[in-house]
PDB file of N, CA and C in Angstrom:
ATOM      1  N   MET A   1      78.174 -14.901-151.724  1.00  0.00           N
ATOM      2  CA  MET A   1      78.019 -16.361-151.644  1.00  0.00           C
ATOM      3  C   MET A   1      78.884 -16.890-150.529  1.00  0.00           C
ATOM      4  N   GLU A   2      80.135 -16.401-150.392  1.00  0.00           N
ATOM      5  CA  GLU A   2      81.026 -16.841-149.482  1.00  0.00           C
ATOM      6  C   GLU A   2      80.550 -16.613-148.011  1.00  0.00           C
ATOM      7  N   THR A   3      79.931 -15.467-147.900  1.00  0.00           N
ATOM      8  CA  THR A   3      79.319 -15.038-146.553  1.00  0.00           C
ATOM      9  C   THR A   3      78.299 -16.017-146.166  1.00  0.00           C
ATOM     10  N   VAL A   4      77.303 -16.361-147.059  1.00  0.00           N
ATOM     11  CA  VAL A   4      76.296 -17.353-146.791  1.00  0.00           C
ATOM     12  C   VAL A   4      76.869 -18.639-146.371  1.00  0.00           C
ATOM     13  N   ILE A   5      77.875 -19.138-147.050  1.00  0.00           N
ATOM     14  CA  ILE A   5      78.528 -20.385-146.668  1.00  0.00           C
ATOM     15  C   ILE A   5      79.155 -20.325-145.307  1.00  0.00           C
ATOM     16  N   PHE A   6      79.819 -19.164-145.055  1.00  0.00           N
ATOM     17  CA  PHE A   6      80.403 -19.001-143.782  1.00  0.00           C
ATOM     18  C   PHE A   6      79.413 -18.976-142.628  1.00  0.00           C
ATOM     19  N   ILE A   7      78.323 -18.332-142.846  1.00  0.00           N
ATOM     20  CA  ILE A   7      77.256 -18.259-141.768  1.00  0.00           C
ATOM     21  C   ILE A   7      76.606 -19.610-141.643  1.00  0.00           C
ATOM     22  N   LEU A   8      76.370 -20.299-142.673  1.00  0.00           N
ATOM     23  CA  LEU A   8      75.744 -21.649-142.598  1.00  0.00           C
ATOM     24  C   LEU A   8      76.695 -22.585-141.889  1.00  0.00           C
ATOM     25  N   LYS A   9      77.986 -22.578-142.246  1.00  0.00           N
ATOM     26  CA  LYS A   9      78.986 -23.509-141.608  1.00  0.00           C
ATOM     27  C   LYS A   9      79.013 -23.194-140.110  1.00  0.00           C
ATOM     28  N   ASN A  10      79.105 -21.969-139.748  1.00  0.00           N
ATOM     29  CA  ASN A  10      79.117 -21.651-138.307  1.00  0.00           C
ATOM     30  C   ASN A  10      77.891 -21.996-137.603  1.00  0.00           C
ATOM     31  N   PHE A  11      76.771 -21.899-138.194  1.00  0.00           N
ATOM     32  CA  PHE A  11      75.494 -22.282-137.622  1.00  0.00           C
ATOM     33  C   PHE A  11      75.454 -23.798-137.298  1.00  0.00           C
ATOM     34  N   VAL A  12      75.938 -24.484-138.303  1.00  0.00           N
ATOM     35  CA  VAL A  12      75.963 -25.973-138.156  1.00  0.00           C
ATOM     36  C   VAL A  12      76.962 -26.375-137.045  1.00  0.00           C
ATOM     37  N   LEU A  13      78.064 -25.708-137.016  1.00  0.00           N
ATOM     38  CA  LEU A  13      79.068 -25.963-135.984  1.00  0.00           C
ATOM     39  C   LEU A  13      78.543 -25.701-134.575  1.00  0.00           C
ATOM     40  N   VAL A  14      77.753 -24.565-134.435  1.00  0.00           N
ATOM     41  CA  VAL A  14      77.128 -24.305-133.177  1.00  0.00           C
ATOM     42  C   VAL A  14      76.090 -25.330-132.792  1.00  0.00           C
ATOM     43  N   LEU A  15      75.299 -25.686-133.835  1.00  0.00           N
ATOM     44  CA  LEU A  15      74.262 -26.756-133.602  1.00  0.00           C
ATOM     45  C   LEU A  15      74.890 -28.006-133.146  1.00  0.00           C
ATOM     46  N   LEU A  16      75.967 -28.463-133.826  1.00  0.00           N
ATOM     47  CA  LEU A  16      76.645 -29.703-133.380  1.00  0.00           C
ATOM     48  C   LEU A  16      77.148 -29.613-131.940  1.00  0.00           C
ATOM     49  N   GLU A  17      77.682 -28.419-131.570  1.00  0.00           N
ATOM     50  CA  GLU A  17      78.178 -28.278-130.221  1.00  0.00           C
ATOM     51  C   GLU A  17      77.015 -28.312-129.188  1.00  0.00           C
ATOM     52  N   VAL A  18      75.962 -27.649-129.547  1.00  0.00           N
ATOM     53  CA  VAL A  18      74.808 -27.684-128.634  1.00  0.00           C
ATOM     54  C   VAL A  18      74.230 -29.062-128.453  1.00  0.00           C
ATOM     55  N   MET A  19      74.246 -29.836-129.570  1.00  0.00           N
ATOM     56  CA  MET A  19      73.672 -31.294-129.515  1.00  0.00           C
ATOM     57  C   MET A  19      74.652 -32.114-128.662  1.00  0.00           C
ATOM     58  N   GLN A  20      75.939 -31.934-128.803  1.00  0.00           N
ATOM     59  CA  GLN A  20      76.859 -32.657-128.002  1.00  0.00           C
ATOM     60  C   GLN A  20      76.750 -32.393-126.511  1.00  0.00           C
ATOM     61  N   LEU A  21      76.509 -31.065-126.156  1.00  0.00           N
ATOM     62  CA  LEU A  21      76.199 -30.750-124.786  1.00  0.00           C
ATOM     63  C   LEU A  21      74.925 -31.297-124.279  1.00  0.00           C
ATOM     64  N   ALA A  22      73.913 -31.344-125.148  1.00  0.00           N
ATOM     65  CA  ALA A  22      72.672 -31.895-124.737  1.00  0.00           C
ATOM     66  C   ALA A  22      72.809 -33.464-124.549  1.00  0.00           C
ATOM     67  N   MET A  23      73.565 -34.065-125.336  1.00  0.00           N
ATOM     68  CA  MET A  23      73.726 -35.528-125.193  1.00  0.00           C
ATOM     69  C   MET A  23      74.590 -35.808-123.914  1.00  0.00           C
ATOM     70  N   LEU A  24      75.532 -34.923-123.648  1.00  0.00           N
ATOM     71  CA  LEU A  24      76.298 -35.109-122.445  1.00  0.00           C
ATOM     72  C   LEU A  24      75.388 -34.872-121.229  1.00  0.00           C
ATOM     73  N   GLY A  25      74.648 -33.869-121.216  1.00  0.00           N
ATOM     74  CA  GLY A  25      73.731 -33.570-120.197  1.00  0.00           C
ATOM     75  C   GLY A  25      72.709 -34.788-119.969  1.00  0.00           C
ATOM     76  N   ARG A  26      72.307 -35.367-121.102  1.00  0.00           N
ATOM     77  CA  ARG A  26      71.331 -36.540-121.026  1.00  0.00           C
ATOM     78  C   ARG A  26      72.092 -37.650-120.324  1.00  0.00           C
ATOM     79  N   ALA A  27      73.327 -37.903-120.701  1.00  0.00           N
ATOM     80  CA  ALA A  27      74.095 -39.079-120.131  1.00  0.00           C
ATOM     81  C   ALA A  27      74.187 -38.824-118.640  1.00  0.00           C
ATOM     82  N   ILE A  28      74.611 -37.595-118.262  1.00  0.00           N
ATOM     83  CA  ILE A  28      74.781 -37.351-116.791  1.00  0.00           C
ATOM     84  C   ILE A  28      73.454 -37.415-116.033  1.00  0.00           C
ATOM     85  N   MET A  29      72.415 -36.889-116.628  1.00  0.00           N
ATOM     86  CA  MET A  29      71.052 -36.978-115.988  1.00  0.00           C
ATOM     87  C   MET A  29      70.637 -38.390-115.820  1.00  0.00           C
ATOM     88  N   SER A  30      70.922 -39.263-116.743  1.00  0.00           N
ATOM     89  CA  SER A  30      70.525 -40.599-116.712  1.00  0.00           C
ATOM     90  C   SER A  30      71.137 -41.357-115.452  1.00  0.00           C
ATOM     91  N   TRP A  31      72.137 -40.927-114.975  1.00  0.00           N
ATOM     92  CA  TRP A  31      72.763 -41.516-113.779  1.00  0.00           C
ATOM     93  C   TRP A  31      71.936 -41.196-112.445  1.00  0.00           C
ATOM     94  N   PHE A  32      71.278 -40.076-112.502  1.00  0.00           N
ATOM     95  CA  PHE A  32      70.680 -39.533-111.299  1.00  0.00           C
ATOM     96  C   PHE A  32      69.103 -39.491-111.375  1.00  0.00           C
ATOM     97  N   ASP A  33      68.626 -39.093-112.527  1.00  0.00           N
ATOM     98  CA  ASP A  33      67.215 -38.765-112.748  1.00  0.00           C
ATOM     99  C   ASP A  33      66.410 -39.956-113.190  1.00  0.00           C
ATOM    100  N   HIS A  34      66.999 -40.803-113.977  1.00  0.00           N
ATOM    101  CA  HIS A  34      66.246 -41.982-114.544  1.00  0.00           C
ATOM    102  C   HIS A  34      65.091 -41.595-115.402  1.00  0.00           C
ATOM    103  N   GLY A  35      65.137 -40.470-116.086  1.00  0.00           N
ATOM    104  CA  GLY A  35      64.116 -40.054-117.019  1.00  0.00           C
ATOM    105  C   GLY A  35      62.894 -39.559-116.555  1.00  0.00           C
ATOM    106  N   GLU A  36      62.783 -39.241-115.286  1.00  0.00           N
ATOM    107  CA  GLU A  36      61.527 -38.799-114.693  1.00  0.00           C
ATOM    108  C   GLU A  36      61.358 -37.289-114.598  1.00  0.00           C
ATOM    109  N   GLY A  37      62.443 -36.552-114.635  1.00  0.00           N
ATOM    110  CA  GLY A  37      62.385 -35.115-114.478  1.00  0.00           C
ATOM    111  C   GLY A  37      62.109 -34.354-115.759  1.00  0.00           C
ATOM    112  N   THR A  38      61.783 -33.042-115.727  1.00  0.00           N
ATOM    113  CA  THR A  38      61.482 -32.287-116.903  1.00  0.00           C
ATOM    114  C   THR A  38      62.736 -32.040-117.745  1.00  0.00           C
ATOM    115  N   VAL A  39      63.961 -31.877-117.019  1.00  0.00           N
ATOM    116  CA  VAL A  39      65.131 -31.603-117.819  1.00  0.00           C
ATOM    117  C   VAL A  39      65.538 -32.922-118.609  1.00  0.00           C
ATOM    118  N   SER A  40      65.385 -34.018-117.939  1.00  0.00           N
ATOM    119  CA  SER A  40      65.674 -35.359-118.591  1.00  0.00           C
ATOM    120  C   SER A  40      64.783 -35.560-119.805  1.00  0.00           C
ATOM    121  N   THR A  41      63.523 -35.354-119.579  1.00  0.00           N
ATOM    122  CA  THR A  41      62.488 -35.438-120.665  1.00  0.00           C
ATOM    123  C   THR A  41      62.790 -34.495-121.782  1.00  0.00           C
ATOM    124  N   PHE A  42      63.177 -33.267-121.546  1.00  0.00           N
ATOM    125  CA  PHE A  42      63.632 -32.283-122.554  1.00  0.00           C
ATOM    126  C   PHE A  42      64.741 -32.789-123.362  1.00  0.00           C
ATOM    127  N   LEU A  43      65.823 -33.213-122.581  1.00  0.00           N
ATOM    128  CA  LEU A  43      67.064 -33.616-123.303  1.00  0.00           C
ATOM    129  C   LEU A  43      66.837 -34.901-124.139  1.00  0.00           C
ATOM    130  N   THR A  44      65.989 -35.810-123.633  1.00  0.00           N
ATOM    131  CA  THR A  44      65.608 -36.956-124.439  1.00  0.00           C
ATOM    132  C   THR A  44      64.852 -36.586-125.714  1.00  0.00           C
ATOM    133  N   PHE A  45      63.902 -35.612-125.568  1.00  0.00           N
ATOM    134  CA  PHE A  45      63.088 -35.122-126.620  1.00  0.00           C
ATOM    135  C   PHE A  45      64.003 -34.504-127.687  1.00  0.00           C
ATOM    136  N   VAL A  46      65.042 -33.761-127.288  1.00  0.00           N
ATOM    137  CA  VAL A  46      65.844 -33.100-128.265  1.00  0.00           C
ATOM    138  C   VAL A  46      66.901 -33.998-128.914  1.00  0.00           C
ATOM    139  N   THR A  47      67.438 -34.927-128.131  1.00  0.00           N
ATOM    140  CA  THR A  47      68.489 -35.764-128.701  1.00  0.00           C
ATOM    141  C   THR A  47      68.003 -37.129-129.443  1.00  0.00           C
ATOM    142  N   GLU A  48      66.911 -37.685-128.963  1.00  0.00           N
ATOM    143  CA  GLU A  48      66.513 -38.903-129.502  1.00  0.00           C
ATOM    144  C   GLU A  48      66.270 -38.974-130.975  1.00  0.00           C
ATOM    145  N   PRO A  49      65.774 -37.961-131.623  1.00  0.00           N
ATOM    146  CA  PRO A  49      65.602 -37.986-133.148  1.00  0.00           C
ATOM    147  C   PRO A  49      66.977 -38.229-133.839  1.00  0.00           C
ATOM    148  N   PHE A  50      68.089 -37.833-133.238  1.00  0.00           N
ATOM    149  CA  PHE A  50      69.373 -38.053-133.886  1.00  0.00           C
ATOM    150  C   PHE A  50      69.891 -39.441-133.581  1.00  0.00           C
ATOM    151  N   ILE A  51      69.552 -40.010-132.357  1.00  0.00           N
ATOM    152  CA  ILE A  51      69.928 -41.294-131.965  1.00  0.00           C
ATOM    153  C   ILE A  51      69.141 -42.467-132.517  1.00  0.00           C
ATOM    154  N   LEU A  52      67.874 -42.173-132.719  1.00  0.00           N
ATOM    155  CA  LEU A  52      66.928 -43.199-133.155  1.00  0.00           C
ATOM    156  C   LEU A  52      67.289 -43.881-134.428  1.00  0.00           C
ATOM    157  N   PRO A  53      67.666 -43.228-135.499  1.00  0.00           N
ATOM    158  CA  PRO A  53      68.105 -43.944-136.758  1.00  0.00           C
ATOM    159  C   PRO A  53      69.243 -44.897-136.530  1.00  0.00           C
ATOM    160  N   ILE A  54      70.220 -44.498-135.681  1.00  0.00           N
ATOM    161  CA  ILE A  54      71.339 -45.412-135.412  1.00  0.00           C
ATOM    162  C   ILE A  54      70.882 -46.513-134.556  1.00  0.00           C
ATOM    163  N   ARG A  55      69.986 -46.300-133.641  1.00  0.00           N
ATOM    164  CA  ARG A  55      69.457 -47.408-132.804  1.00  0.00           C
ATOM    165  C   ARG A  55      68.688 -48.375-133.584  1.00  0.00           C
ATOM    166  N   ARG A  56      67.862 -47.894-134.494  1.00  0.00           N
ATOM    167  CA  ARG A  56      67.067 -48.816-135.382  1.00  0.00           C
ATOM    168  C   ARG A  56      67.945 -49.625-136.258  1.00  0.00           C
ATOM    169  N   LEU A  57      69.059 -49.035-136.804  1.00  0.00           N
ATOM    170  CA  LEU A  57      69.996 -49.739-137.610  1.00  0.00           C
ATOM    171  C   LEU A  57      70.630 -50.803-136.821  1.00  0.00           C
ATOM    172  N   CYS A  58      71.077 -50.501-135.573  1.00  0.00           N
ATOM    173  CA  CYS A  58      71.737 -51.532-134.732  1.00  0.00           C
ATOM    174  C   CYS A  58      70.795 -52.671-134.433  1.00  0.00           C
ATOM    175  N   GLU A  59      69.477 -52.347-134.136  1.00  0.00           N
ATOM    176  CA  GLU A  59      68.515 -53.366-133.849  1.00  0.00           C
ATOM    177  C   GLU A  59      68.306 -54.250-135.074  1.00  0.00           C
ATOM    178  N   ARG A  60      68.075 -53.624-136.274  1.00  0.00           N
ATOM    179  CA  ARG A  60      67.843 -54.413-137.536  1.00  0.00           C
ATOM    180  C   ARG A  60      69.027 -55.334-137.785  1.00  0.00           C
ATOM    181  N   MET A  61      70.271 -54.844-137.578  1.00  0.00           N
ATOM    182  CA  MET A  61      71.373 -55.647-137.911  1.00  0.00           C
ATOM    183  C   MET A  61      71.817 -56.622-136.786  1.00  0.00           C
ATOM    184  N   HIS A  62      71.041 -56.523-135.645  1.00  0.00           N
ATOM    185  CA  HIS A  62      71.377 -57.324-134.443  1.00  0.00           C
ATOM    186  C   HIS A  62      72.704 -57.032-133.837  1.00  0.00           C
ATOM    187  N   TRP A  63      73.149 -55.793-133.946  1.00  0.00           N
ATOM    188  CA  TRP A  63      74.403 -55.354-133.360  1.00  0.00           C
ATOM    189  C   TRP A  63      74.249 -55.027-131.907  1.00  0.00           C
ATOM    190  N   PHE A  64      75.171 -55.336-131.064  1.00  0.00           N
ATOM    191  CA  PHE A  64      75.223 -54.894-129.616  1.00  0.00           C
ATOM    192  C   PHE A  64      73.893 -55.233-128.850  1.00  0.00           C
ATOM    193  N   GLU A  65      73.380 -56.444-129.181  1.00  0.00           N
ATOM    194  CA  GLU A  65      72.056 -56.787-128.580  1.00  0.00           C
ATOM    195  C   GLU A  65      72.204 -56.987-127.064  1.00  0.00           C
ATOM    196  N   ASN A  66      73.280 -57.614-126.598  1.00  0.00           N
ATOM    197  CA  ASN A  66      73.396 -57.923-125.248  1.00  0.00           C
ATOM    198  C   ASN A  66      74.304 -56.943-124.512  1.00  0.00           C
ATOM    199  N   SER A  67      74.546 -55.789-125.062  1.00  0.00           N
ATOM    200  CA  SER A  67      75.381 -54.819-124.451  1.00  0.00           C
ATOM    201  C   SER A  67      74.692 -54.017-123.353  1.00  0.00           C
ATOM    202  N   MET A  68      75.364 -53.811-122.227  1.00  0.00           N
ATOM    203  CA  MET A  68      74.761 -53.002-121.190  1.00  0.00           C
ATOM    204  C   MET A  68      74.860 -51.528-121.385  1.00  0.00           C
ATOM    205  N   ILE A  69      75.703 -51.170-122.359  1.00  0.00           N
ATOM    206  CA  ILE A  69      75.966 -49.722-122.657  1.00  0.00           C
ATOM    207  C   ILE A  69      75.165 -49.385-123.968  1.00  0.00           C
ATOM    208  N   ASP A  70      74.634 -48.157-124.005  1.00  0.00           N
ATOM    209  CA  ASP A  70      73.858 -47.690-125.097  1.00  0.00           C
ATOM    210  C   ASP A  70      74.829 -47.300-126.271  1.00  0.00           C
ATOM    211  N   ILE A  71      75.178 -48.268-127.005  1.00  0.00           N
ATOM    212  CA  ILE A  71      76.204 -48.032-128.112  1.00  0.00           C
ATOM    213  C   ILE A  71      75.685 -47.079-129.157  1.00  0.00           C
ATOM    214  N   PRO A  72      74.391 -47.154-129.565  1.00  0.00           N
ATOM    215  CA  PRO A  72      73.973 -46.127-130.534  1.00  0.00           C
ATOM    216  C   PRO A  72      74.128 -44.626-130.111  1.00  0.00           C
ATOM    217  N   PHE A  73      74.033 -44.417-128.757  1.00  0.00           N
ATOM    218  CA  PHE A  73      74.309 -43.082-128.164  1.00  0.00           C
ATOM    219  C   PHE A  73      75.716 -42.711-128.510  1.00  0.00           C
ATOM    220  N   PHE A  74      76.657 -43.613-128.213  1.00  0.00           N
ATOM    221  CA  PHE A  74      78.120 -43.314-128.461  1.00  0.00           C
ATOM    222  C   PHE A  74      78.402 -43.103-129.953  1.00  0.00           C
ATOM    223  N   ILE A  75      77.779 -43.887-130.800  1.00  0.00           N
ATOM    224  CA  ILE A  75      78.028 -43.853-132.217  1.00  0.00           C
ATOM    225  C   ILE A  75      77.510 -42.454-132.704  1.00  0.00           C
ATOM    226  N   THR A  76      76.395 -42.011-132.169  1.00  0.00           N
ATOM    227  CA  THR A  76      75.836 -40.646-132.600  1.00  0.00           C
ATOM    228  C   THR A  76      76.816 -39.619-132.153  1.00  0.00           C
ATOM    229  N   MET A  77      77.362 -39.713-130.927  1.00  0.00           N
ATOM    230  CA  MET A  77      78.320 -38.701-130.459  1.00  0.00           C
ATOM    231  C   MET A  77      79.591 -38.664-131.412  1.00  0.00           C
ATOM    232  N   ILE A  78      80.083 -39.872-131.750  1.00  0.00           N
ATOM    233  CA  ILE A  78      81.216 -39.917-132.629  1.00  0.00           C
ATOM    234  C   ILE A  78      80.842 -39.287-133.965  1.00  0.00           C
ATOM    235  N   ILE A  79      79.723 -39.506-134.447  1.00  0.00           N
ATOM    236  CA  ILE A  79      79.309 -38.921-135.728  1.00  0.00           C
ATOM    237  C   ILE A  79      79.321 -37.354-135.662  1.00  0.00           C
ATOM    238  N   PHE A  80      78.709 -36.915-134.542  1.00  0.00           N
ATOM    239  CA  PHE A  80      78.756 -35.404-134.339  1.00  0.00           C
ATOM    240  C   PHE A  80      80.138 -34.845-134.252  1.00  0.00           C
ATOM    241  N   MET A  81      81.027 -35.591-133.556  1.00  0.00           N
ATOM    242  CA  MET A  81      82.501 -35.123-133.440  1.00  0.00           C
ATOM    243  C   MET A  81      83.157 -35.110-134.758  1.00  0.00           C
ATOM    244  N   VAL A  82      82.938 -36.175-135.569  1.00  0.00           N
ATOM    245  CA  VAL A  82      83.560 -36.186-136.919  1.00  0.00           C
ATOM    246  C   VAL A  82      82.998 -35.127-137.717  1.00  0.00           C
ATOM    247  N   LEU A  83      81.784 -34.915-137.779  1.00  0.00           N
ATOM    248  CA  LEU A  83      81.128 -33.780-138.569  1.00  0.00           C
ATOM    249  C   LEU A  83      81.728 -32.424-138.140  1.00  0.00           C
ATOM    250  N   GLN A  84      81.862 -32.231-136.840  1.00  0.00           N
ATOM    251  CA  GLN A  84      82.374 -30.982-136.348  1.00  0.00           C
ATOM    252  C   GLN A  84      83.782 -30.798-136.728  1.00  0.00           C
ATOM    253  N   THR A  85      84.614 -31.828-136.673  1.00  0.00           N
ATOM    254  CA  THR A  85      85.989 -31.777-137.081  1.00  0.00           C
ATOM    255  C   THR A  85      86.158 -31.522-138.529  1.00  0.00           C
ATOM    256  N   PHE A  86      85.312 -32.180-139.371  1.00  0.00           N
ATOM    257  CA  PHE A  86      85.325 -32.046-140.815  1.00  0.00           C
ATOM    258  C   PHE A  86      85.004 -30.579-141.162  1.00  0.00           C
ATOM    259  N   LEU A  87      83.922 -30.082-140.620  1.00  0.00           N
ATOM    260  CA  LEU A  87      83.538 -28.698-140.837  1.00  0.00           C
ATOM    261  C   LEU A  87      84.499 -27.664-140.447  1.00  0.00           C
ATOM    262  N   SER A  88      85.183 -27.907-139.317  1.00  0.00           N
ATOM    263  CA  SER A  88      86.201 -26.979-138.810  1.00  0.00           C
ATOM    264  C   SER A  88      87.379 -26.892-139.707  1.00  0.00           C
ATOM    265  N   VAL A  89      87.704 -27.957-140.429  1.00  0.00           N
ATOM    266  CA  VAL A  89      88.890 -27.922-141.310  1.00  0.00           C
ATOM    267  C   VAL A  89      88.585 -27.018-142.565  1.00  0.00           C
ATOM    268  N   PHE A  90      87.381 -27.022-143.014  1.00  0.00           N
ATOM    269  CA  PHE A  90      87.071 -26.303-144.224  1.00  0.00           C
ATOM    270  C   PHE A  90      86.491 -24.993-143.892  1.00  0.00           C
TER     271      PHE A  90
END
């Protein structure tokens, strides 16, 4: 049982790391590509399902409406970092 938990925990940690890298890549590509390239499209396709619930919550609550920065993106990154830290401790 401990082996299964260990493997599952490490799998989630790797998944969180990959998602953080994909989101970082998406942020960097947004400066240059503006969403038209295949890499940008792929990174958006991979990361948007995680960002979308936060984005909808912010829209529903009218948070950050006039912000020039994509705040839900940063909130999602922070959630990933907190989860990764929490799982690393245990």
